[in-house]
Amino acid sequence: MLPKNPKQIEEILKPLQLSSETYGAIKQKMDDDMTNGLSTDQHTLADAKMYITYVRAVPNGTEVGNFLALDLGGTNFRVLLIKLDGGEVTMQSTIYMIPEAIMTGTGAQLFDHIANCIDSFIEDKKLDRTVELPLGFTFSFPCKQEGLAKARLVTWTKGFNCSGVVNEDIVRLLHESVAKKQIKVRCIAVINDTVGALMSCAHEDNRCQIGLILGTGTNACYMEKIERVQQWDGDDESPQEKYLYKNGVIINTEWGAFGNSKALNFITTEYDTNVDKISINPGKQIYEKMISGMYMGEIARQVVIKLVDAGCLFDGVASEKLRTPMAFLTKYISEIESDEEFDNFVKTRQVLDELDVERYRVADCLVMQEVCSVVSTRAAYLAAAGISVLLDRVEKPEVTIGVDGSLYRYHPKFHDLITEKLSQLSPHKKFKLMLSHDGSGKGAALVAAVAWRIYCSN
């Protein structure tokens, strides 16, 4: 059965379907912005702030001992115990929820909650409370790093808005809360989830030079030459030098903010504008809002409502739930796109039933698939444009890209879509996308383990 008004449907979807030339232009704009981010005089003008992580060494296989890792980057918070014995890694972890009241409360409430979770974890795992445990902290929000264990929050993202944390050293706040509970842990490395993804994959494949997150939010890091980092203030002869990338340091791009200065206005649709208006941070994280799992479902919902109001879907009738902002979850896109017509659109029908849509036909299911496909394809292609910039910057003949995040992990076509567009945008590059296994947990512990090894060797 054919959809109603196919030409009108095509017109409504058209703004989201960009040409190859347009993706090339986005790549160039992003590269220019990243160059500004690395410079001293243009840094304040850049959207992608290109923060120095001070991570210059990766595991060499000699790390041993017990390490704690904390992973905060969304509504779930994890505490992990990682045991390293050379190349062997064993992990235990517990997931704790961050209540919405804490996500938007005070910084003291947030870090006290984290300390309580650490205390519960130590109790549950029967760890020795008399021994100080080294800790790696994956804190997946934009930070200005001032050392391996010192990072100031620049801005909250992903629905968090705790007072009293912006511009503060998050390691100090963690230590203050931990001290109240008299817990013997010491944070010796703070990273974000992109560095975690890179480190976790580098543990298995030393060609890994890029870390990428495609989940609730999006961000990327990569190994950059120090000579290009005008703001470098580290020690070129540091003890880390002999362990790894001579003249290299991992840069946290914070690329989610690309477009904040209107560089993406030429591709911004009415759907993006509407999503931005209802978000917790209007005018910020523009690139992220076009790609990430937090917003992709809402972009699709905006398109669906326009199609309904144009009489192209559901006989022009939308349920109250469907008209509710953020009610169309990004997981619905993955479910709908993994559906098959010969299965009678079982998953699509389940989604529509959950959204209280009463009247729908096979033709409506086909349109829903098309909407989801167009929205997710644009997201994957935009991500590929960013990755292509980093591939060119790494300047290696063969590069592995460590990827983590629920969007990449669970969307049925995201990997293939990124690979397809990346091959077009970087035709002479040999690359491999590698799923990071618990990068934000294992990766944090590995950074801490390497830092501990170097500290102990000195």
Protein backbone atom coordinates (compact mmCIF):
# COMPACT_ATOMS: atom_id res chain seq x y z
CA MET A 1 0.00 0.00 0.00
CA LEU A 2 1.45 3.38 -1.04
CA PRO A 3 1.65 6.26 1.44
CA LYS A 4 -0.65 9.25 1.01
CA ASN A 5 0.82 12.36 -0.61
CA PRO A 6 4.28 10.92 -1.44
CA LYS A 7 5.47 14.23 -2.94
CA GLN A 8 4.54 16.14 0.19
CA ILE A 9 6.33 13.55 2.32
CA GLU A 10 9.41 13.97 0.13
CA GLU A 11 9.31 17.76 0.57
CA ILE A 12 9.01 17.50 4.35
CA LEU A 13 12.00 15.13 4.55
CA LYS A 14 14.15 16.94 1.98
CA PRO A 15 15.86 19.43 4.37
CA LEU A 16 17.38 16.47 6.25
CA GLN A 17 18.84 14.87 3.11
CA LEU A 18 22.17 16.59 2.45
CA SER A 19 24.43 16.27 -0.58
CA SER A 20 27.97 14.86 -0.59
CA GLU A 21 29.25 18.38 -1.31
CA THR A 22 27.46 19.66 1.79
CA TYR A 23 29.11 17.02 4.00
CA GLY A 24 32.44 18.01 2.48
CA ALA A 25 31.74 21.65 3.40
CA ILE A 26 30.84 20.62 6.97
CA LYS A 27 34.13 18.72 7.20
CA GLN A 28 36.10 21.80 6.08
CA LYS A 29 34.29 24.10 8.53
CA MET A 30 34.94 21.65 11.35
CA ASP A 31 38.63 21.37 10.47
CA ASP A 32 38.96 25.17 10.49
CA ASP A 33 37.22 25.35 13.86
CA MET A 34 39.51 22.68 15.35
CA THR A 35 42.59 24.55 14.10
CA ASN A 36 41.28 27.61 15.95
CA GLY A 37 40.68 25.49 19.03
CA LEU A 38 44.32 24.37 19.10
CA SER A 39 45.66 27.90 18.62
CA THR A 40 46.42 30.48 21.29
CA ASP A 41 45.02 33.60 19.67
CA GLN A 42 41.89 32.06 18.07
CA HIS A 43 40.98 29.61 20.86
CA THR A 44 38.20 31.76 22.32
CA LEU A 45 36.51 31.92 18.89
CA ALA A 46 36.41 28.14 18.46
CA ASP A 47 33.35 26.03 19.23
CA ALA A 48 35.40 22.82 19.51
CA LYS A 49 37.69 23.79 22.38
CA MET A 50 40.29 21.04 21.77
CA TYR A 51 41.24 20.54 25.40
CA ILE A 52 44.60 18.99 26.31
CA THR A 53 44.10 15.76 28.30
CA TYR A 54 47.73 15.31 29.42
CA VAL A 55 47.36 11.63 28.50
CA ARG A 56 50.48 10.67 26.55
CA ALA A 57 51.03 7.06 27.53
CA VAL A 58 49.02 3.92 26.92
CA PRO A 59 49.31 0.52 28.65
CA ASN A 60 52.49 -1.46 27.97
CA GLY A 61 51.32 -4.71 29.58
CA THR A 62 53.27 -4.38 32.84
CA GLU A 63 50.47 -2.79 34.88
CA VAL A 64 49.42 -4.80 37.93
CA GLY A 65 47.11 -4.23 40.89
CA ASN A 66 43.58 -3.23 41.85
CA PHE A 67 42.12 0.01 40.55
CA LEU A 68 38.76 1.66 41.02
CA ALA A 69 37.04 3.44 38.17
CA LEU A 70 34.10 5.83 38.27
CA ASP A 71 31.99 6.44 35.18
CA LEU A 72 29.68 9.47 35.17
CA GLY A 73 28.27 10.60 31.86
CA GLY A 74 24.51 10.16 31.93
CA THR A 75 21.63 9.11 34.12
CA ASN A 76 23.48 5.95 35.15
CA PHE A 77 26.63 6.07 37.24
CA ARG A 78 29.01 3.13 37.59
CA VAL A 79 31.64 2.09 40.09
CA LEU A 80 34.11 -0.55 38.86
CA LEU A 81 36.89 -2.62 40.35
CA ILE A 82 39.49 -3.54 37.74
CA LYS A 83 42.22 -6.06 38.47
CA LEU A 84 45.23 -5.85 36.16
CA ASP A 85 47.86 -8.52 35.82
CA GLY A 86 49.87 -7.62 32.74
CA GLY A 87 47.65 -8.27 29.76
CA GLU A 88 44.91 -9.86 31.88
CA VAL A 89 41.97 -7.69 32.91
CA THR A 90 39.11 -8.73 35.20
CA MET A 91 36.29 -6.35 36.08
CA GLN A 92 33.42 -6.12 38.52
CA SER A 93 30.95 -3.26 38.35
CA THR A 94 27.74 -1.93 39.85
CA ILE A 95 25.35 0.54 38.25
CA TYR A 96 23.72 3.24 40.38
CA MET A 97 20.99 5.64 39.29
CA ILE A 98 21.39 9.41 39.47
CA PRO A 99 17.94 10.75 40.48
CA GLU A 100 16.74 13.74 38.48
CA ALA A 101 16.61 15.84 41.65
CA ILE A 102 20.36 15.28 42.07
CA MET A 103 21.09 15.92 38.36
CA THR A 104 19.65 19.43 38.78
CA GLY A 105 20.49 19.99 42.48
CA THR A 106 23.75 21.18 44.02
CA GLY A 107 27.25 19.97 43.26
CA ALA A 108 27.68 18.88 46.88
CA GLN A 109 24.59 16.66 46.57
CA LEU A 110 25.94 15.07 43.39
CA PHE A 111 29.42 14.30 44.74
CA ASP A 112 28.04 13.14 48.10
CA HIS A 113 25.80 10.73 46.17
CA ILE A 114 28.86 9.48 44.24
CA ALA A 115 30.77 9.01 47.52
CA ASN A 116 27.83 7.04 48.97
CA CYS A 117 27.87 4.79 45.90
CA ILE A 118 31.63 4.19 46.25
CA ASP A 119 31.11 3.35 49.92
CA SER A 120 28.33 0.86 49.07
CA PHE A 121 30.51 -0.71 46.38
CA ILE A 122 33.48 -1.17 48.73
CA GLU A 123 31.14 -2.73 51.28
CA ASP A 124 29.46 -5.04 48.74
CA LYS A 125 32.75 -6.23 47.26
CA LYS A 126 34.32 -6.62 50.73
CA LEU A 127 37.38 -4.57 49.76
CA ASP A 128 40.11 -3.82 52.30
CA ARG A 129 39.26 -0.38 53.73
CA THR A 130 42.77 0.06 55.16
CA VAL A 131 44.45 0.13 51.74
CA GLU A 132 44.25 3.27 49.60
CA LEU A 133 42.97 2.45 46.13
CA PRO A 134 44.09 4.43 43.06
CA LEU A 135 41.09 5.65 41.09
CA GLY A 136 40.42 6.71 37.51
CA PHE A 137 37.41 8.99 36.97
CA THR A 138 35.57 9.13 33.66
CA PHE A 139 33.74 12.46 33.85
CA SER A 140 32.06 12.87 30.49
CA PHE A 141 31.29 16.58 30.46
CA PRO A 142 33.26 19.45 28.90
CA CYS A 143 36.26 20.14 31.13
CA LYS A 144 39.37 22.28 30.94
CA GLN A 145 42.09 19.90 32.01
CA GLU A 146 44.93 21.42 34.03
CA GLY A 147 46.74 18.15 34.72
CA LEU A 148 46.08 14.44 34.64
CA ALA A 149 44.18 14.69 37.95
CA LYS A 150 42.85 18.23 37.74
CA ALA A 151 39.95 19.29 35.54
CA ARG A 152 37.54 22.22 35.76
CA LEU A 153 33.99 21.81 34.47
CA VAL A 154 33.27 24.20 31.60
CA THR A 155 29.55 23.54 31.22
CA TRP A 156 27.00 20.88 32.03
CA THR A 157 25.38 18.84 29.23
CA LYS A 158 23.10 15.77 28.93
CA GLY A 159 20.41 17.07 31.26
CA PHE A 160 22.74 17.82 34.21
CA ASN A 161 22.70 21.29 35.76
CA CYS A 162 24.18 21.02 39.28
CA SER A 163 24.98 24.36 40.88
CA GLY A 164 28.42 25.21 42.22
CA VAL A 165 30.41 22.96 39.88
CA VAL A 166 31.12 25.04 36.75
CA ASN A 167 34.73 26.35 36.86
CA GLU A 168 35.50 24.12 39.86
CA ASP A 169 38.04 21.27 39.97
CA ILE A 170 35.90 18.14 39.95
CA VAL A 171 38.66 16.00 41.49
CA ARG A 172 38.77 18.33 44.51
CA LEU A 173 34.96 18.10 44.85
CA LEU A 174 35.17 14.30 44.68
CA HIS A 175 37.94 14.15 47.30
CA GLU A 176 35.96 16.43 49.64
CA SER A 177 32.89 14.18 49.46
CA VAL A 178 34.96 11.00 49.82
CA ALA A 179 36.74 12.45 52.87
CA LYS A 180 33.36 12.98 54.59
CA LYS A 181 32.77 9.22 54.32
CA GLN A 182 36.37 8.44 55.35
CA ILE A 183 36.92 6.29 52.26
CA LYS A 184 40.55 5.57 51.31
CA VAL A 185 40.63 6.27 47.58
CA ARG A 186 42.73 8.72 45.59
CA CYS A 187 41.79 9.97 42.15
CA ILE A 188 45.00 10.02 40.09
CA ALA A 189 43.47 10.49 36.64
CA VAL A 190 40.37 12.16 35.33
CA ILE A 191 39.36 11.54 31.72
CA ASN A 192 36.25 11.70 29.59
CA ASP A 193 34.56 8.76 27.91
CA THR A 194 36.22 9.39 24.55
CA VAL A 195 39.70 8.95 26.07
CA GLY A 196 38.35 5.86 27.83
CA ALA A 197 37.17 4.41 24.53
CA LEU A 198 40.54 5.12 22.91
CA MET A 199 42.54 3.62 25.81
CA SER A 200 40.35 0.54 26.07
CA CYS A 201 40.77 -0.22 22.36
CA ALA A 202 44.49 0.68 22.41
CA HIS A 203 44.92 -2.03 25.05
CA GLU A 204 43.94 -4.51 22.31
CA ASP A 205 45.05 -2.65 19.16
CA ASN A 206 47.91 -0.15 19.30
CA ARG A 207 46.79 1.43 16.02
CA CYS A 208 43.90 3.04 17.89
CA GLN A 209 44.42 6.81 17.63
CA ILE A 210 40.82 8.08 17.82
CA GLY A 211 38.17 7.65 20.52
CA LEU A 212 34.54 8.33 19.68
CA ILE A 213 31.32 8.43 21.69
CA LEU A 214 27.92 8.07 20.02
CA GLY A 215 25.42 7.69 22.82
CA THR A 216 23.35 10.10 24.92
CA GLY A 217 25.81 12.73 23.72
CA THR A 218 28.66 12.73 21.21
CA ASN A 219 32.33 13.65 21.47
CA ALA A 220 35.70 12.55 20.11
CA CYS A 221 39.38 12.61 21.03
CA TYR A 222 42.50 11.80 19.04
CA MET A 223 46.30 11.71 19.23
CA GLU A 224 47.64 15.07 18.06
CA LYS A 225 51.21 16.22 17.44
CA ILE A 226 52.34 18.55 20.25
CA GLU A 227 53.86 20.94 17.70
CA ARG A 228 50.31 21.74 16.51
CA VAL A 229 49.03 22.38 20.04
CA GLN A 230 49.93 26.01 20.62
CA GLN A 231 48.51 25.88 24.15
CA TRP A 232 50.74 22.97 25.21
CA ASP A 233 52.14 23.73 28.66
CA GLY A 234 53.39 20.26 29.63
CA ASP A 235 56.91 18.92 29.94
CA ASP A 236 58.24 17.40 26.73
CA GLU A 237 60.81 15.48 28.76
CA SER A 238 58.27 14.09 31.23
CA PRO A 239 58.64 10.51 32.55
CA GLN A 240 55.84 9.49 30.19
CA GLU A 241 57.99 10.33 27.19
CA LYS A 242 59.75 6.97 27.03
CA TYR A 243 56.51 5.03 27.32
CA LEU A 244 54.66 6.14 24.27
CA TYR A 245 53.80 8.67 21.65
CA LYS A 246 56.87 10.85 21.27
CA ASN A 247 55.65 14.39 20.66
CA GLY A 248 51.99 13.35 20.90
CA VAL A 249 49.16 14.09 23.32
CA ILE A 250 45.49 13.10 23.32
CA ILE A 251 43.20 16.04 22.55
CA ASN A 252 39.60 16.09 23.77
CA THR A 253 37.81 17.92 20.95
CA GLU A 254 34.45 18.61 22.67
CA TRP A 255 33.05 18.62 19.15
CA GLY A 256 29.45 18.51 20.38
CA ALA A 257 29.61 22.31 20.68
CA PHE A 258 30.52 22.74 17.00
CA GLY A 259 27.88 24.99 15.43
CA ASN A 260 27.34 27.11 18.55
CA SER A 261 28.74 30.07 16.60
CA LYS A 262 26.33 29.39 13.72
CA ALA A 263 28.76 27.42 11.49
CA LEU A 264 25.97 24.85 10.92
CA ASN A 265 23.19 27.36 10.24
CA PHE A 266 23.33 26.49 6.54
CA ILE A 267 22.06 22.96 7.27
CA THR A 268 19.85 23.71 10.31
CA THR A 269 16.23 22.67 9.73
CA GLU A 270 13.04 23.80 11.46
CA TYR A 271 13.14 20.45 13.29
CA ASP A 272 16.61 21.22 14.71
CA THR A 273 15.46 24.71 15.72
CA ASN A 274 12.45 23.31 17.57
CA VAL A 275 14.56 20.69 19.34
CA ASP A 276 17.05 23.36 20.41
CA LYS A 277 14.26 25.55 21.82
CA ILE A 278 12.90 22.82 24.10
CA SER A 279 16.34 21.61 25.22
CA ILE A 280 17.87 22.39 28.61
CA ASN A 281 20.66 24.42 26.91
CA PRO A 282 19.28 26.40 23.93
CA GLY A 283 21.94 27.64 21.50
CA LYS A 284 24.55 25.18 22.76
CA GLN A 285 25.81 21.74 21.66
CA ILE A 286 24.34 22.24 18.17
CA TYR A 287 26.29 19.46 16.41
CA GLU A 288 25.50 17.10 19.29
CA LYS A 289 21.77 17.84 19.00
CA MET A 290 21.84 16.77 15.34
CA ILE A 291 23.52 13.44 16.12
CA SER A 292 23.15 12.13 19.65
CA GLY A 293 20.76 9.71 21.26
CA MET A 294 19.35 12.33 23.60
CA TYR A 295 17.84 14.32 20.73
CA MET A 296 17.54 12.07 17.67
CA GLY A 297 14.16 10.68 18.70
CA GLU A 298 12.82 14.19 19.22
CA ILE A 299 13.98 15.27 15.73
CA ALA A 300 12.07 12.28 14.32
CA ARG A 301 8.99 13.21 16.40
CA GLN A 302 9.08 16.76 15.06
CA VAL A 303 9.08 15.38 11.50
CA VAL A 304 6.27 12.91 12.31
CA ILE A 305 4.07 15.68 13.75
CA LYS A 306 4.60 17.80 10.63
CA LEU A 307 3.59 14.82 8.48
CA VAL A 308 0.49 14.19 10.64
CA ASP A 309 -0.56 17.85 10.45
CA ALA A 310 -0.10 17.72 6.66
CA GLY A 311 -2.44 14.72 6.49
CA CYS A 312 0.35 12.35 5.38
CA LEU A 313 0.27 10.08 8.45
CA PHE A 314 -2.32 8.42 10.72
CA ASP A 315 -5.25 10.07 8.88
CA GLY A 316 -4.08 13.41 10.27
CA VAL A 317 -4.58 12.36 13.92
CA ALA A 318 -1.75 12.28 16.49
CA SER A 319 -2.17 10.96 20.03
CA GLU A 320 -1.53 13.23 22.99
CA LYS A 321 1.55 11.15 23.78
CA LEU A 322 2.96 11.60 20.27
CA ARG A 323 2.48 15.36 20.63
CA THR A 324 4.47 15.35 23.89
CA PRO A 325 8.06 16.65 23.49
CA MET A 326 10.76 13.99 24.00
CA ALA A 327 8.15 11.19 24.09
CA PHE A 328 9.54 9.55 20.93
CA LEU A 329 12.62 7.80 22.30
CA THR A 330 15.73 7.26 20.19
CA LYS A 331 15.47 3.53 20.89
CA TYR A 332 12.23 3.62 18.87
CA ILE A 333 14.30 4.62 15.82
CA SER A 334 16.54 1.56 16.26
CA GLU A 335 13.51 -0.68 16.71
CA ILE A 336 11.63 0.69 13.71
CA GLU A 337 14.70 0.53 11.46
CA SER A 338 15.38 -3.09 12.40
CA ASP A 339 11.80 -4.01 11.42
CA GLU A 340 10.92 -5.99 8.30
CA GLU A 341 7.88 -5.60 6.06
CA PHE A 342 7.54 -9.37 5.71
CA ASP A 343 7.21 -9.56 9.53
CA ASN A 344 4.18 -7.28 9.25
CA PHE A 345 6.09 -4.43 10.96
CA VAL A 346 5.81 -6.05 14.39
CA LYS A 347 8.29 -3.66 16.10
CA THR A 348 6.88 -0.55 14.41
CA ARG A 349 3.40 -1.50 15.52
CA GLN A 350 4.64 -2.01 19.09
CA VAL A 351 6.16 1.47 19.07
CA LEU A 352 2.97 3.04 17.71
CA ASP A 353 0.91 1.17 20.32
CA GLU A 354 3.21 2.48 23.06
CA LEU A 355 2.62 5.99 21.72
CA ASP A 356 -1.18 5.44 21.83
CA VAL A 357 -1.54 5.87 18.06
CA GLU A 358 -4.90 4.25 17.35
CA ARG A 359 -5.26 4.36 13.58
CA TYR A 360 -2.39 3.28 11.36
CA ARG A 361 -1.96 1.27 8.19
CA VAL A 362 0.95 -0.55 6.53
CA ALA A 363 1.56 2.63 4.53
CA ASP A 364 2.01 4.55 7.81
CA CYS A 365 4.56 1.98 8.98
CA LEU A 366 6.49 2.48 5.74
CA VAL A 367 6.51 6.25 6.27
CA MET A 368 7.71 5.83 9.86
CA GLN A 369 10.59 3.70 8.59
CA GLU A 370 11.49 6.36 6.04
CA VAL A 371 11.42 9.14 8.65
CA CYS A 372 13.67 7.18 11.03
CA SER A 373 16.05 6.23 8.23
CA VAL A 374 16.44 9.84 7.03
CA VAL A 375 17.04 11.18 10.55
CA SER A 376 19.56 8.48 11.53
CA THR A 377 21.37 8.63 8.17
CA ARG A 378 21.95 12.36 8.56
CA ALA A 379 23.24 11.77 12.11
CA ALA A 380 25.65 9.03 10.99
CA TYR A 381 26.89 11.07 8.02
CA LEU A 382 27.46 14.14 10.24
CA ALA A 383 29.47 11.95 12.63
CA ALA A 384 31.48 10.65 9.65
CA ALA A 385 32.31 14.22 8.60
CA GLY A 386 33.83 14.84 12.03
CA ILE A 387 35.73 11.54 12.11
CA SER A 388 37.11 12.31 8.67
CA VAL A 389 38.68 15.51 10.02
CA LEU A 390 40.42 13.52 12.76
CA LEU A 391 41.58 10.80 10.36
CA ASP A 392 43.31 13.46 8.26
CA ARG A 393 44.91 15.00 11.37
CA VAL A 394 46.32 11.72 12.71
CA GLU A 395 48.42 11.25 9.55
CA LYS A 396 48.89 7.49 9.97
CA PRO A 397 48.55 4.97 7.12
CA GLU A 398 46.21 2.78 9.16
CA VAL A 399 44.03 3.98 12.03
CA THR A 400 41.66 2.19 14.41
CA ILE A 401 38.78 4.24 15.80
CA GLY A 402 37.52 3.11 19.21
CA VAL A 403 33.78 3.67 19.47
CA ASP A 404 31.48 3.46 22.48
CA GLY A 405 27.92 4.55 23.19
CA SER A 406 24.41 3.12 23.00
CA LEU A 407 23.54 4.76 19.66
CA TYR A 408 26.46 3.09 17.86
CA ARG A 409 26.05 -0.13 19.79
CA TYR A 410 22.32 -0.68 19.26
CA HIS A 411 21.32 1.10 16.06
CA PRO A 412 21.18 -1.58 13.34
CA LYS A 413 22.78 0.52 10.58
CA PHE A 414 24.92 3.22 12.25
CA HIS A 415 28.23 1.38 11.81
CA ASP A 416 27.61 0.74 8.11
CA LEU A 417 26.39 4.28 7.45
CA ILE A 418 29.47 5.84 9.08
CA THR A 419 31.80 3.46 7.21
CA GLU A 420 30.12 4.28 3.90
CA LYS A 421 30.35 8.08 4.29
CA LEU A 422 33.84 7.97 5.83
CA SER A 423 35.12 6.04 2.82
CA GLN A 424 33.80 8.85 0.60
CA LEU A 425 35.15 11.71 2.73
CA SER A 426 38.58 10.11 3.40
CA PRO A 427 39.05 7.90 0.31
CA HIS A 428 42.78 7.39 0.77
CA LYS A 429 42.66 6.44 4.44
CA LYS A 430 42.67 2.89 5.78
CA PHE A 431 40.54 2.73 8.91
CA LYS A 432 38.64 0.36 11.16
CA LEU A 433 35.78 1.12 13.55
CA MET A 434 36.23 -0.96 16.70
CA LEU A 435 33.57 -1.32 19.40
CA SER A 436 35.09 -0.33 22.71
CA HIS A 437 34.37 -2.85 25.43
CA ASP A 438 33.56 -0.81 28.51
CA GLY A 439 35.83 2.05 27.53
CA SER A 440 34.55 4.51 30.09
CA GLY A 441 35.14 2.00 32.90
CA LYS A 442 38.12 -0.05 31.79
CA GLY A 443 39.66 2.96 30.02
CA ALA A 444 39.63 5.10 33.18
CA ALA A 445 41.28 2.32 35.16
CA LEU A 446 43.92 1.86 32.44
CA VAL A 447 44.80 5.58 32.47
CA ALA A 448 45.03 5.41 36.27
CA ALA A 449 47.12 2.22 36.07
CA VAL A 450 49.57 3.77 33.60
CA ALA A 451 49.84 6.93 35.74
CA TRP A 452 50.38 4.76 38.85
CA ARG A 453 53.05 2.68 37.06
CA ILE A 454 54.92 5.83 35.99
CA TYR A 455 54.53 7.39 39.45
CA CYS A 456 55.87 4.24 41.14
CA SER A 457 58.77 3.93 38.69
CA ASN A 458 59.86 7.42 39.70
